[in-house]
N, C-alpha and C. Protein backbone atom coordinates (compact mmCIF):
# COMPACT_ATOMS: atom_id res chain seq x y z
N UNK A 1 -4.20 -22.90 -7.49
CA UNK A 1 -3.43 -21.79 -7.99
C UNK A 1 -3.02 -22.06 -9.42
N UNK A 2 -3.04 -21.04 -10.23
CA UNK A 2 -2.66 -21.17 -11.63
C UNK A 2 -1.38 -20.37 -11.87
N UNK A 3 -0.49 -20.91 -12.73
CA UNK A 3 0.74 -20.15 -13.01
C UNK A 3 0.46 -18.91 -13.84
N UNK A 4 1.22 -17.85 -13.59
CA UNK A 4 1.09 -16.63 -14.37
C UNK A 4 2.06 -16.68 -15.55
N UNK A 5 2.20 -15.54 -16.25
CA UNK A 5 3.04 -15.51 -17.45
C UNK A 5 4.51 -15.76 -17.14
N UNK A 6 4.93 -15.62 -15.89
CA UNK A 6 6.33 -15.87 -15.51
C UNK A 6 6.50 -17.27 -14.94
N UNK A 7 5.44 -18.08 -15.02
CA UNK A 7 5.51 -19.45 -14.53
C UNK A 7 5.37 -19.59 -13.03
N UNK A 8 4.97 -18.53 -12.35
CA UNK A 8 4.79 -18.58 -10.90
C UNK A 8 3.32 -18.81 -10.59
N UNK A 9 3.08 -19.49 -9.47
CA UNK A 9 1.70 -19.67 -9.03
C UNK A 9 1.11 -18.34 -8.62
N UNK A 10 -0.15 -18.13 -8.96
CA UNK A 10 -0.86 -16.92 -8.56
C UNK A 10 -1.83 -17.26 -7.44
N UNK A 11 -1.96 -16.35 -6.52
CA UNK A 11 -2.94 -16.47 -5.46
C UNK A 11 -4.05 -15.51 -5.83
N UNK A 12 -5.27 -16.00 -6.02
CA UNK A 12 -6.36 -15.11 -6.44
C UNK A 12 -6.49 -13.90 -5.52
N UNK A 13 -6.54 -12.71 -6.14
CA UNK A 13 -6.70 -11.48 -5.41
C UNK A 13 -5.43 -10.94 -4.76
N UNK A 14 -4.32 -11.64 -4.94
CA UNK A 14 -3.06 -11.25 -4.29
C UNK A 14 -2.11 -10.65 -5.32
N UNK A 15 -1.53 -9.52 -4.98
CA UNK A 15 -0.49 -8.92 -5.82
C UNK A 15 0.84 -9.37 -5.23
N UNK A 16 1.59 -10.12 -6.01
CA UNK A 16 2.88 -10.63 -5.55
C UNK A 16 3.91 -9.53 -5.69
N UNK A 17 4.58 -9.18 -4.60
CA UNK A 17 5.62 -8.16 -4.64
C UNK A 17 6.92 -8.85 -5.02
N UNK A 18 7.24 -8.77 -6.31
CA UNK A 18 8.45 -9.38 -6.83
C UNK A 18 9.36 -8.29 -7.38
N UNK A 19 10.40 -8.68 -8.08
CA UNK A 19 11.34 -7.71 -8.62
C UNK A 19 10.69 -6.70 -9.55
N UNK A 20 9.76 -7.18 -10.36
CA UNK A 20 9.07 -6.28 -11.29
C UNK A 20 8.24 -5.24 -10.54
N UNK A 21 7.51 -5.67 -9.52
CA UNK A 21 6.73 -4.74 -8.71
C UNK A 21 7.64 -3.79 -7.93
N UNK A 22 8.77 -4.31 -7.46
CA UNK A 22 9.72 -3.47 -6.72
C UNK A 22 10.25 -2.34 -7.61
N UNK A 23 10.57 -2.67 -8.85
CA UNK A 23 11.04 -1.63 -9.77
C UNK A 23 9.94 -0.63 -10.08
N UNK A 24 8.73 -1.14 -10.28
CA UNK A 24 7.58 -0.28 -10.59
C UNK A 24 7.30 0.68 -9.44
N UNK A 25 7.45 0.21 -8.22
CA UNK A 25 7.08 1.00 -7.06
C UNK A 25 8.23 1.69 -6.34
N UNK A 26 9.41 1.68 -6.95
CA UNK A 26 10.59 2.22 -6.26
C UNK A 26 10.34 3.64 -5.72
N UNK A 27 9.89 4.55 -6.55
CA UNK A 27 9.69 5.94 -6.13
C UNK A 27 8.62 6.04 -5.03
N UNK A 28 7.53 5.30 -5.20
CA UNK A 28 6.45 5.31 -4.21
C UNK A 28 6.95 4.80 -2.86
N UNK A 29 7.68 3.69 -2.89
CA UNK A 29 8.19 3.11 -1.64
C UNK A 29 9.25 4.01 -1.00
N UNK A 30 10.06 4.66 -1.83
CA UNK A 30 11.05 5.59 -1.30
C UNK A 30 10.35 6.75 -0.60
N UNK A 31 9.27 7.26 -1.22
CA UNK A 31 8.51 8.33 -0.59
C UNK A 31 7.92 7.86 0.74
N UNK A 32 7.31 6.69 0.74
CA UNK A 32 6.70 6.18 1.98
C UNK A 32 7.75 5.97 3.07
N UNK A 33 8.93 5.50 2.68
CA UNK A 33 10.00 5.32 3.67
C UNK A 33 10.37 6.66 4.30
N UNK A 34 10.30 7.73 3.51
CA UNK A 34 10.65 9.06 4.02
C UNK A 34 9.74 9.49 5.17
N UNK A 35 8.56 8.86 5.27
CA UNK A 35 7.62 9.23 6.32
C UNK A 35 8.05 8.75 7.70
N UNK A 36 9.22 8.12 7.80
CA UNK A 36 9.79 7.82 9.10
C UNK A 36 10.11 9.11 9.85
N UNK A 37 10.29 10.18 9.09
CA UNK A 37 10.63 11.48 9.66
C UNK A 37 9.37 12.33 9.85
N UNK A 38 9.20 12.85 11.04
CA UNK A 38 8.06 13.73 11.33
C UNK A 38 8.07 14.94 10.40
N UNK A 39 9.25 15.47 10.14
CA UNK A 39 9.37 16.63 9.25
C UNK A 39 8.82 16.30 7.85
N UNK A 40 9.11 15.12 7.36
CA UNK A 40 8.62 14.71 6.04
C UNK A 40 7.11 14.47 6.04
N UNK A 41 6.59 13.91 7.12
CA UNK A 41 5.14 13.72 7.21
C UNK A 41 4.43 15.06 7.18
N UNK A 42 4.99 16.04 7.87
CA UNK A 42 4.40 17.38 7.88
C UNK A 42 4.49 18.04 6.50
N UNK A 43 5.61 17.85 5.82
CA UNK A 43 5.77 18.41 4.47
C UNK A 43 4.75 17.80 3.52
N UNK A 44 4.50 16.51 3.65
CA UNK A 44 3.49 15.84 2.82
C UNK A 44 2.11 16.42 3.11
N UNK A 45 1.77 16.57 4.37
CA UNK A 45 0.46 17.11 4.75
C UNK A 45 0.27 18.54 4.22
N UNK A 46 1.34 19.33 4.22
CA UNK A 46 1.25 20.72 3.75
C UNK A 46 0.98 20.80 2.26
N UNK A 47 1.64 19.93 1.47
CA UNK A 47 1.52 20.01 0.02
C UNK A 47 1.80 18.65 -0.60
N UNK A 48 0.75 17.83 -0.69
CA UNK A 48 0.90 16.47 -1.22
C UNK A 48 1.46 16.45 -2.63
N UNK A 49 0.94 17.35 -3.48
CA UNK A 49 1.40 17.36 -4.88
C UNK A 49 2.89 17.64 -4.98
N UNK A 50 3.35 18.64 -4.25
CA UNK A 50 4.78 18.98 -4.28
C UNK A 50 5.61 17.82 -3.73
N UNK A 51 5.10 17.16 -2.70
CA UNK A 51 5.84 16.04 -2.11
C UNK A 51 5.91 14.88 -3.11
N UNK A 52 4.83 14.61 -3.81
CA UNK A 52 4.84 13.56 -4.83
C UNK A 52 5.77 13.94 -5.98
N UNK A 53 5.81 15.22 -6.34
CA UNK A 53 6.75 15.70 -7.38
C UNK A 53 8.19 15.40 -6.98
N UNK A 54 8.50 15.63 -5.72
CA UNK A 54 9.86 15.42 -5.21
C UNK A 54 10.34 14.00 -5.48
N UNK A 55 9.40 13.04 -5.48
CA UNK A 55 9.76 11.64 -5.68
C UNK A 55 9.40 11.12 -7.08
N UNK A 56 8.90 12.01 -7.94
CA UNK A 56 8.57 11.67 -9.34
C UNK A 56 7.59 10.49 -9.44
N UNK A 57 6.52 10.54 -8.65
CA UNK A 57 5.52 9.48 -8.71
C UNK A 57 4.81 9.51 -10.06
N UNK A 58 4.39 8.34 -10.51
CA UNK A 58 3.64 8.23 -11.76
C UNK A 58 2.21 8.72 -11.54
N UNK A 59 1.49 8.92 -12.63
CA UNK A 59 0.09 9.34 -12.54
C UNK A 59 -0.73 8.29 -11.78
N UNK A 60 -0.48 7.02 -12.03
CA UNK A 60 -1.19 5.94 -11.33
C UNK A 60 -0.92 6.01 -9.83
N UNK A 61 0.32 6.21 -9.45
CA UNK A 61 0.68 6.29 -8.04
C UNK A 61 0.07 7.53 -7.38
N UNK A 62 0.10 8.65 -8.09
CA UNK A 62 -0.48 9.88 -7.55
C UNK A 62 -1.98 9.73 -7.30
N UNK A 63 -2.68 9.11 -8.24
CA UNK A 63 -4.13 8.91 -8.08
C UNK A 63 -4.39 8.04 -6.86
N UNK A 64 -3.63 6.96 -6.71
CA UNK A 64 -3.81 6.06 -5.57
C UNK A 64 -3.51 6.78 -4.25
N UNK A 65 -2.50 7.63 -4.24
CA UNK A 65 -2.17 8.41 -3.04
C UNK A 65 -3.33 9.35 -2.72
N UNK A 66 -3.81 10.09 -3.72
CA UNK A 66 -4.92 11.03 -3.50
C UNK A 66 -6.17 10.32 -3.00
N UNK A 67 -6.44 9.13 -3.55
CA UNK A 67 -7.63 8.37 -3.18
C UNK A 67 -7.47 7.58 -1.88
N UNK A 68 -6.22 7.54 -1.35
CA UNK A 68 -5.93 6.74 -0.15
C UNK A 68 -6.34 5.29 -0.37
N UNK A 69 -6.08 4.80 -1.58
CA UNK A 69 -6.53 3.48 -2.00
C UNK A 69 -5.38 2.48 -1.88
N UNK A 70 -5.40 1.68 -0.84
CA UNK A 70 -4.32 0.73 -0.56
C UNK A 70 -4.18 -0.28 -1.69
N UNK A 71 -5.29 -0.81 -2.20
CA UNK A 71 -5.19 -1.80 -3.29
C UNK A 71 -4.55 -1.19 -4.53
N UNK A 72 -4.90 0.04 -4.86
CA UNK A 72 -4.30 0.71 -6.01
C UNK A 72 -2.83 1.00 -5.75
N UNK A 73 -2.48 1.33 -4.52
CA UNK A 73 -1.07 1.56 -4.17
C UNK A 73 -0.27 0.27 -4.32
N UNK A 74 -0.84 -0.85 -3.89
CA UNK A 74 -0.16 -2.14 -4.06
C UNK A 74 0.01 -2.47 -5.54
N UNK A 75 -1.03 -2.24 -6.31
CA UNK A 75 -0.98 -2.48 -7.75
C UNK A 75 0.06 -1.59 -8.43
N UNK A 76 0.26 -0.39 -7.90
CA UNK A 76 1.21 0.57 -8.46
C UNK A 76 2.64 0.31 -7.99
N UNK A 77 2.85 -0.83 -7.32
CA UNK A 77 4.20 -1.21 -6.91
C UNK A 77 4.51 -0.98 -5.45
N UNK A 78 3.50 -0.58 -4.68
CA UNK A 78 3.72 -0.33 -3.26
C UNK A 78 3.97 -1.61 -2.49
N UNK A 79 4.86 -1.52 -1.53
CA UNK A 79 5.16 -2.62 -0.62
C UNK A 79 4.41 -2.33 0.67
N UNK A 80 3.69 -3.30 1.18
CA UNK A 80 2.81 -3.08 2.33
C UNK A 80 3.57 -2.54 3.54
N UNK A 81 4.83 -2.91 3.69
CA UNK A 81 5.59 -2.43 4.85
C UNK A 81 5.88 -0.94 4.74
N UNK A 82 6.12 -0.45 3.53
CA UNK A 82 6.32 0.98 3.33
C UNK A 82 4.98 1.71 3.34
N UNK A 83 3.95 1.07 2.78
CA UNK A 83 2.64 1.71 2.74
C UNK A 83 2.07 1.92 4.15
N UNK A 84 2.50 1.11 5.09
CA UNK A 84 2.06 1.29 6.47
C UNK A 84 2.51 2.65 7.00
N UNK A 85 3.67 3.12 6.53
CA UNK A 85 4.15 4.46 6.92
C UNK A 85 3.20 5.53 6.39
N UNK A 86 2.77 5.36 5.15
CA UNK A 86 1.82 6.28 4.52
C UNK A 86 0.49 6.25 5.27
N UNK A 87 -0.01 5.05 5.53
CA UNK A 87 -1.30 4.91 6.21
C UNK A 87 -1.28 5.52 7.60
N UNK A 88 -0.14 5.45 8.25
CA UNK A 88 -0.01 6.00 9.60
C UNK A 88 -0.23 7.50 9.66
N UNK A 89 0.07 8.19 8.56
CA UNK A 89 -0.15 9.64 8.52
C UNK A 89 -1.62 9.96 8.74
N UNK A 90 -2.48 9.07 8.27
CA UNK A 90 -3.93 9.30 8.34
C UNK A 90 -4.59 8.53 9.48
N UNK A 91 -3.76 7.94 10.34
CA UNK A 91 -4.29 7.25 11.50
C UNK A 91 -4.90 5.89 11.18
N UNK A 92 -4.58 5.34 10.01
CA UNK A 92 -5.10 4.01 9.67
C UNK A 92 -4.28 2.95 10.39
N UNK A 93 -4.96 1.95 10.95
CA UNK A 93 -4.24 0.88 11.60
C UNK A 93 -4.16 -0.34 10.68
N UNK A 94 -3.47 -1.36 11.13
CA UNK A 94 -3.24 -2.55 10.31
C UNK A 94 -4.56 -3.25 9.95
N UNK A 95 -5.51 -3.28 10.87
CA UNK A 95 -6.80 -3.91 10.57
C UNK A 95 -7.54 -3.15 9.48
N UNK A 96 -7.46 -1.83 9.51
CA UNK A 96 -8.13 -1.03 8.47
C UNK A 96 -7.47 -1.26 7.10
N UNK A 97 -6.15 -1.36 7.08
CA UNK A 97 -5.45 -1.64 5.83
C UNK A 97 -5.82 -3.03 5.34
N UNK A 98 -5.83 -4.01 6.23
CA UNK A 98 -6.20 -5.38 5.86
C UNK A 98 -7.62 -5.46 5.32
N UNK A 99 -8.52 -4.71 5.93
CA UNK A 99 -9.90 -4.68 5.46
C UNK A 99 -9.97 -4.13 4.04
N UNK A 100 -9.23 -3.06 3.76
CA UNK A 100 -9.19 -2.51 2.40
C UNK A 100 -8.64 -3.55 1.42
N UNK A 101 -7.58 -4.24 1.81
CA UNK A 101 -6.96 -5.22 0.92
C UNK A 101 -7.92 -6.35 0.57
N UNK A 102 -8.74 -6.74 1.52
CA UNK A 102 -9.63 -7.88 1.30
C UNK A 102 -11.02 -7.48 0.83
N UNK A 103 -11.31 -6.17 0.83
CA UNK A 103 -12.63 -5.72 0.42
C UNK A 103 -13.68 -5.94 1.49
N UNK A 104 -13.25 -6.11 2.73
CA UNK A 104 -14.17 -6.31 3.85
C UNK A 104 -14.29 -5.02 4.64
N UNK A 105 -15.31 -4.98 5.48
CA UNK A 105 -15.37 -3.89 6.45
C UNK A 105 -14.33 -4.21 7.53
N UNK A 106 -14.00 -3.20 8.32
CA UNK A 106 -13.03 -3.43 9.39
C UNK A 106 -13.56 -4.47 10.38
N UNK A 107 -14.84 -4.42 10.68
CA UNK A 107 -15.43 -5.38 11.62
C UNK A 107 -15.37 -6.80 11.06
N UNK A 108 -15.68 -6.96 9.76
CA UNK A 108 -15.61 -8.29 9.13
C UNK A 108 -14.17 -8.81 9.15
N UNK A 109 -13.22 -7.94 8.87
CA UNK A 109 -11.82 -8.34 8.85
C UNK A 109 -11.36 -8.79 10.24
N UNK A 110 -11.73 -8.03 11.26
CA UNK A 110 -11.36 -8.39 12.63
C UNK A 110 -11.99 -9.74 13.02
N UNK A 111 -13.24 -9.94 12.64
CA UNK A 111 -13.92 -11.20 12.94
C UNK A 111 -13.21 -12.37 12.25
N UNK A 112 -12.76 -12.16 11.01
CA UNK A 112 -12.04 -13.19 10.29
C UNK A 112 -10.74 -13.53 11.00
N UNK A 113 -10.04 -12.51 11.51
CA UNK A 113 -8.79 -12.76 12.24
C UNK A 113 -9.04 -13.55 13.52
N UNK A 114 -10.13 -13.23 14.21
CA UNK A 114 -10.48 -13.95 15.43
C UNK A 114 -10.78 -15.41 15.10
N UNK A 115 -11.57 -15.63 14.04
CA UNK A 115 -11.89 -17.01 13.63
C UNK A 115 -10.63 -17.78 13.24
N UNK A 116 -9.73 -17.13 12.52
CA UNK A 116 -8.49 -17.80 12.09
C UNK A 116 -7.60 -18.12 13.27
N UNK A 117 -7.62 -17.27 14.30
CA UNK A 117 -6.81 -17.50 15.49
C UNK A 117 -7.31 -18.66 16.32
N UNK A 118 -8.57 -19.02 16.16
CA UNK A 118 -9.17 -20.11 16.92
C UNK A 118 -8.94 -21.46 16.28
N UNK A 119 -8.34 -21.47 15.10
CA UNK A 119 -8.13 -22.75 14.41
C UNK A 119 -6.82 -23.38 14.78
């Protein structure tokens, strides 16, 4: 691992959710938290743009939401625990999210988990 500009070790391919990322993703994470409510999930499905307006998402966050791109959402300040609420609207499970994060197919990701569990 190599230190980044803040003197912290970096994990290749990993976006560290720190204070800076939390500030960057505040609006996105607040929106995703709102999906705890069925009423809010339905409002999002009816009009995604209006729902994103309500939370003042940035252009980067809006693009990631439209593309359903978990890696871009993480890069835009998303916290995986809140993003799981967003993913649930579309029926994505944890393995599918993990596969997106790692760039693997869902089957490859599941196989990796099975191999890791055997160690």
